[in-house]
C-alpha cells in the first residue's frame, strides 16, 4: 500500500460513478449543481459520464419542456 493510500481513512471512500473505481472522498471530483450526488476519479471519467448520461437526459428534458433550441 502506498503512503498516500495509508493517509486516507478507509471509511471515507466513494465510488466513481463512471468506472466504479474506489477512492478517498477528498480526492474525488464532485460536480456542483447536480440533483443527486455523483463522484468521479478523474476529469476524463466526468466528461465521459456527461456525454453518456447527463447530456442525453438534459436534451430529453429540454425537448419535453419546450426549451430545446437545437442543442
N, C-alpha and C. Protein backbone atom coordinates (compact mmCIF):
# COMPACT_ATOMS: atom_id res chain seq x y z
N UNK A 1 0.85 -1.18 0.00
CA UNK A 1 0.00 0.00 0.00
C UNK A 1 0.89 1.24 0.00
N UNK A 2 0.52 2.23 -0.80
CA UNK A 2 1.34 3.44 -0.88
C UNK A 2 1.12 4.32 0.33
N UNK A 3 2.03 5.25 0.53
CA UNK A 3 1.91 6.18 1.66
C UNK A 3 0.66 7.03 1.51
N UNK A 4 0.32 7.44 0.27
CA UNK A 4 -0.88 8.23 0.04
C UNK A 4 -2.13 7.47 0.44
N UNK A 5 -2.19 6.20 0.10
CA UNK A 5 -3.37 5.39 0.42
C UNK A 5 -3.52 5.24 1.93
N UNK A 6 -2.43 5.15 2.66
CA UNK A 6 -2.49 4.99 4.11
C UNK A 6 -2.94 6.27 4.80
N UNK A 7 -2.77 7.43 4.16
CA UNK A 7 -3.14 8.70 4.78
C UNK A 7 -4.64 8.91 4.82
N UNK A 8 -5.41 8.15 4.04
CA UNK A 8 -6.85 8.34 3.94
C UNK A 8 -7.58 7.29 4.75
N UNK A 9 -8.61 7.72 5.43
CA UNK A 9 -9.43 6.83 6.24
C UNK A 9 -10.24 5.92 5.31
N UNK A 10 -10.20 4.60 5.55
CA UNK A 10 -10.92 3.65 4.72
C UNK A 10 -12.43 3.86 4.76
N UNK A 11 -12.97 4.44 5.84
CA UNK A 11 -14.41 4.67 5.94
C UNK A 11 -14.86 5.84 5.10
N UNK A 12 -13.95 6.68 4.66
CA UNK A 12 -14.28 7.89 3.91
C UNK A 12 -13.96 7.69 2.43
N UNK A 13 -14.51 6.62 1.85
CA UNK A 13 -14.24 6.30 0.45
C UNK A 13 -15.53 6.36 -0.36
N UNK A 14 -15.41 6.70 -1.63
CA UNK A 14 -16.55 6.78 -2.54
C UNK A 14 -16.20 5.99 -3.80
N UNK A 15 -17.19 5.82 -4.66
CA UNK A 15 -17.01 5.07 -5.89
C UNK A 15 -17.28 5.99 -7.07
N UNK A 16 -16.39 5.96 -8.06
CA UNK A 16 -16.56 6.75 -9.28
C UNK A 16 -17.85 6.32 -9.98
N UNK A 17 -18.69 7.26 -10.33
CA UNK A 17 -19.97 6.97 -10.97
C UNK A 17 -19.81 6.49 -12.41
N UNK A 18 -18.63 6.61 -12.97
CA UNK A 18 -18.39 6.17 -14.34
C UNK A 18 -17.69 4.83 -14.40
N UNK A 19 -16.56 4.68 -13.71
CA UNK A 19 -15.75 3.47 -13.86
C UNK A 19 -15.78 2.55 -12.64
N UNK A 20 -16.50 2.97 -11.59
CA UNK A 20 -16.65 2.19 -10.35
C UNK A 20 -15.36 2.01 -9.55
N UNK A 21 -14.38 2.86 -9.79
CA UNK A 21 -13.13 2.82 -9.03
C UNK A 21 -13.38 3.40 -7.63
N UNK A 22 -12.87 2.74 -6.60
CA UNK A 22 -12.98 3.24 -5.23
C UNK A 22 -11.84 4.22 -4.96
N UNK A 23 -12.17 5.31 -4.25
CA UNK A 23 -11.15 6.32 -3.97
C UNK A 23 -11.50 7.07 -2.70
N UNK A 24 -10.52 7.72 -2.09
CA UNK A 24 -10.82 8.57 -0.92
C UNK A 24 -11.75 9.71 -1.34
N UNK A 25 -12.73 10.00 -0.52
CA UNK A 25 -13.72 11.04 -0.85
C UNK A 25 -13.07 12.40 -1.09
N UNK A 26 -11.99 12.70 -0.36
CA UNK A 26 -11.38 14.03 -0.52
C UNK A 26 -10.60 14.16 -1.83
N UNK A 27 -10.38 13.07 -2.56
CA UNK A 27 -9.71 13.14 -3.86
C UNK A 27 -10.70 13.08 -5.02
N UNK A 28 -11.96 12.81 -4.73
CA UNK A 28 -12.97 12.65 -5.78
C UNK A 28 -13.41 14.00 -6.34
N UNK A 29 -13.80 13.98 -7.59
CA UNK A 29 -14.39 15.15 -8.24
C UNK A 29 -15.89 15.05 -8.03
N UNK A 30 -16.50 16.08 -7.45
CA UNK A 30 -17.93 16.08 -7.21
C UNK A 30 -18.51 17.35 -7.84
N UNK A 31 -19.14 17.22 -9.01
CA UNK A 31 -19.69 18.40 -9.68
C UNK A 31 -20.78 19.05 -8.84
N UNK A 32 -20.82 20.36 -8.86
CA UNK A 32 -21.85 21.09 -8.14
C UNK A 32 -23.05 21.29 -9.05
N UNK A 33 -24.20 21.44 -8.44
CA UNK A 33 -25.40 21.70 -9.20
C UNK A 33 -26.15 20.47 -9.65
N UNK A 34 -25.69 19.29 -9.29
CA UNK A 34 -26.40 18.07 -9.64
C UNK A 34 -27.54 17.88 -8.64
N UNK A 35 -28.63 17.24 -9.10
CA UNK A 35 -29.76 16.95 -8.22
C UNK A 35 -29.51 15.73 -7.36
N UNK A 36 -28.41 15.06 -7.58
CA UNK A 36 -28.05 13.87 -6.83
C UNK A 36 -26.53 13.86 -6.70
N UNK A 37 -26.02 13.06 -5.79
CA UNK A 37 -24.58 13.05 -5.52
C UNK A 37 -23.90 12.05 -6.45
N UNK A 38 -22.90 12.52 -7.16
CA UNK A 38 -22.08 11.67 -8.02
C UNK A 38 -20.62 12.03 -7.76
N UNK A 39 -19.75 11.05 -7.91
CA UNK A 39 -18.31 11.24 -7.71
C UNK A 39 -17.57 10.70 -8.92
N UNK A 40 -16.43 11.31 -9.24
CA UNK A 40 -15.61 10.87 -10.36
C UNK A 40 -14.15 10.88 -9.95
N UNK A 41 -13.40 9.89 -10.44
CA UNK A 41 -11.99 9.77 -10.07
C UNK A 41 -11.10 10.68 -10.91
N UNK A 42 -11.53 11.03 -12.12
CA UNK A 42 -10.73 11.90 -12.99
C UNK A 42 -11.65 12.81 -13.79
N UNK A 43 -11.13 13.91 -14.30
CA UNK A 43 -11.93 14.75 -15.20
C UNK A 43 -12.39 13.97 -16.45
N UNK A 44 -11.59 13.00 -16.88
CA UNK A 44 -11.96 12.20 -18.05
C UNK A 44 -13.20 11.36 -17.77
N UNK A 45 -13.27 10.76 -16.58
CA UNK A 45 -14.45 9.98 -16.21
C UNK A 45 -15.68 10.89 -16.14
N UNK A 46 -15.51 12.09 -15.59
CA UNK A 46 -16.63 13.03 -15.53
C UNK A 46 -17.10 13.40 -16.93
N UNK A 47 -16.19 13.69 -17.84
CA UNK A 47 -16.56 14.06 -19.21
C UNK A 47 -17.26 12.90 -19.91
N UNK A 48 -16.76 11.70 -19.71
CA UNK A 48 -17.39 10.53 -20.34
C UNK A 48 -18.80 10.33 -19.79
N UNK A 49 -18.97 10.48 -18.47
CA UNK A 49 -20.30 10.35 -17.86
C UNK A 49 -21.25 11.40 -18.41
N UNK A 50 -20.77 12.65 -18.50
CA UNK A 50 -21.62 13.73 -19.04
C UNK A 50 -22.08 13.40 -20.45
N UNK A 51 -21.16 12.92 -21.28
CA UNK A 51 -21.50 12.60 -22.66
C UNK A 51 -22.48 11.44 -22.75
N UNK A 52 -22.31 10.43 -21.90
CA UNK A 52 -23.15 9.24 -21.98
C UNK A 52 -24.45 9.35 -21.20
N UNK A 53 -24.43 10.03 -20.07
CA UNK A 53 -25.60 10.01 -19.18
C UNK A 53 -26.28 11.37 -19.07
N UNK A 54 -25.54 12.38 -18.67
CA UNK A 54 -26.14 13.66 -18.35
C UNK A 54 -26.64 14.40 -19.58
N UNK A 55 -25.82 14.50 -20.62
CA UNK A 55 -26.22 15.26 -21.79
C UNK A 55 -27.50 14.72 -22.44
N UNK A 56 -27.63 13.40 -22.64
CA UNK A 56 -28.89 12.89 -23.20
C UNK A 56 -30.09 13.17 -22.30
N UNK A 57 -29.92 13.10 -20.99
CA UNK A 57 -31.02 13.40 -20.08
C UNK A 57 -31.40 14.87 -20.16
N UNK A 58 -30.40 15.75 -20.21
CA UNK A 58 -30.68 17.18 -20.33
C UNK A 58 -31.39 17.48 -21.64
N UNK A 59 -30.95 16.85 -22.71
CA UNK A 59 -31.57 17.06 -24.02
C UNK A 59 -33.04 16.64 -24.00
N UNK A 60 -33.31 15.45 -23.42
CA UNK A 60 -34.71 14.97 -23.33
C UNK A 60 -35.55 15.93 -22.50
N UNK A 61 -34.99 16.44 -21.41
CA UNK A 61 -35.73 17.38 -20.57
C UNK A 61 -36.04 18.66 -21.35
N UNK A 62 -35.03 19.19 -22.03
CA UNK A 62 -35.25 20.42 -22.81
C UNK A 62 -36.30 20.20 -23.89
N UNK A 63 -36.24 19.05 -24.57
CA UNK A 63 -37.19 18.76 -25.63
C UNK A 63 -38.61 18.66 -25.06
N UNK A 64 -38.75 17.97 -23.94
CA UNK A 64 -40.05 17.79 -23.30
C UNK A 64 -40.60 19.12 -22.78
N UNK A 65 -39.72 19.96 -22.23
CA UNK A 65 -40.17 21.21 -21.64
C UNK A 65 -40.32 22.34 -22.67
N UNK A 66 -39.89 22.08 -23.90
CA UNK A 66 -40.00 23.10 -24.94
C UNK A 66 -38.89 24.11 -24.91
N UNK A 67 -37.83 23.84 -24.15
CA UNK A 67 -36.72 24.79 -24.09
C UNK A 67 -35.54 24.36 -24.94
N UNK A 68 -35.71 23.27 -25.72
CA UNK A 68 -34.63 22.79 -26.60
C UNK A 68 -34.51 23.75 -27.78
N UNK A 69 -33.33 24.30 -27.94
CA UNK A 69 -33.11 25.25 -29.04
C UNK A 69 -32.03 24.74 -29.96
N UNK A 70 -32.19 23.46 -30.37
CA UNK A 70 -31.24 22.89 -31.31
C UNK A 70 -29.94 22.44 -30.71
N UNK A 71 -29.87 22.21 -29.40
CA UNK A 71 -28.63 21.78 -28.77
C UNK A 71 -28.42 20.31 -28.92
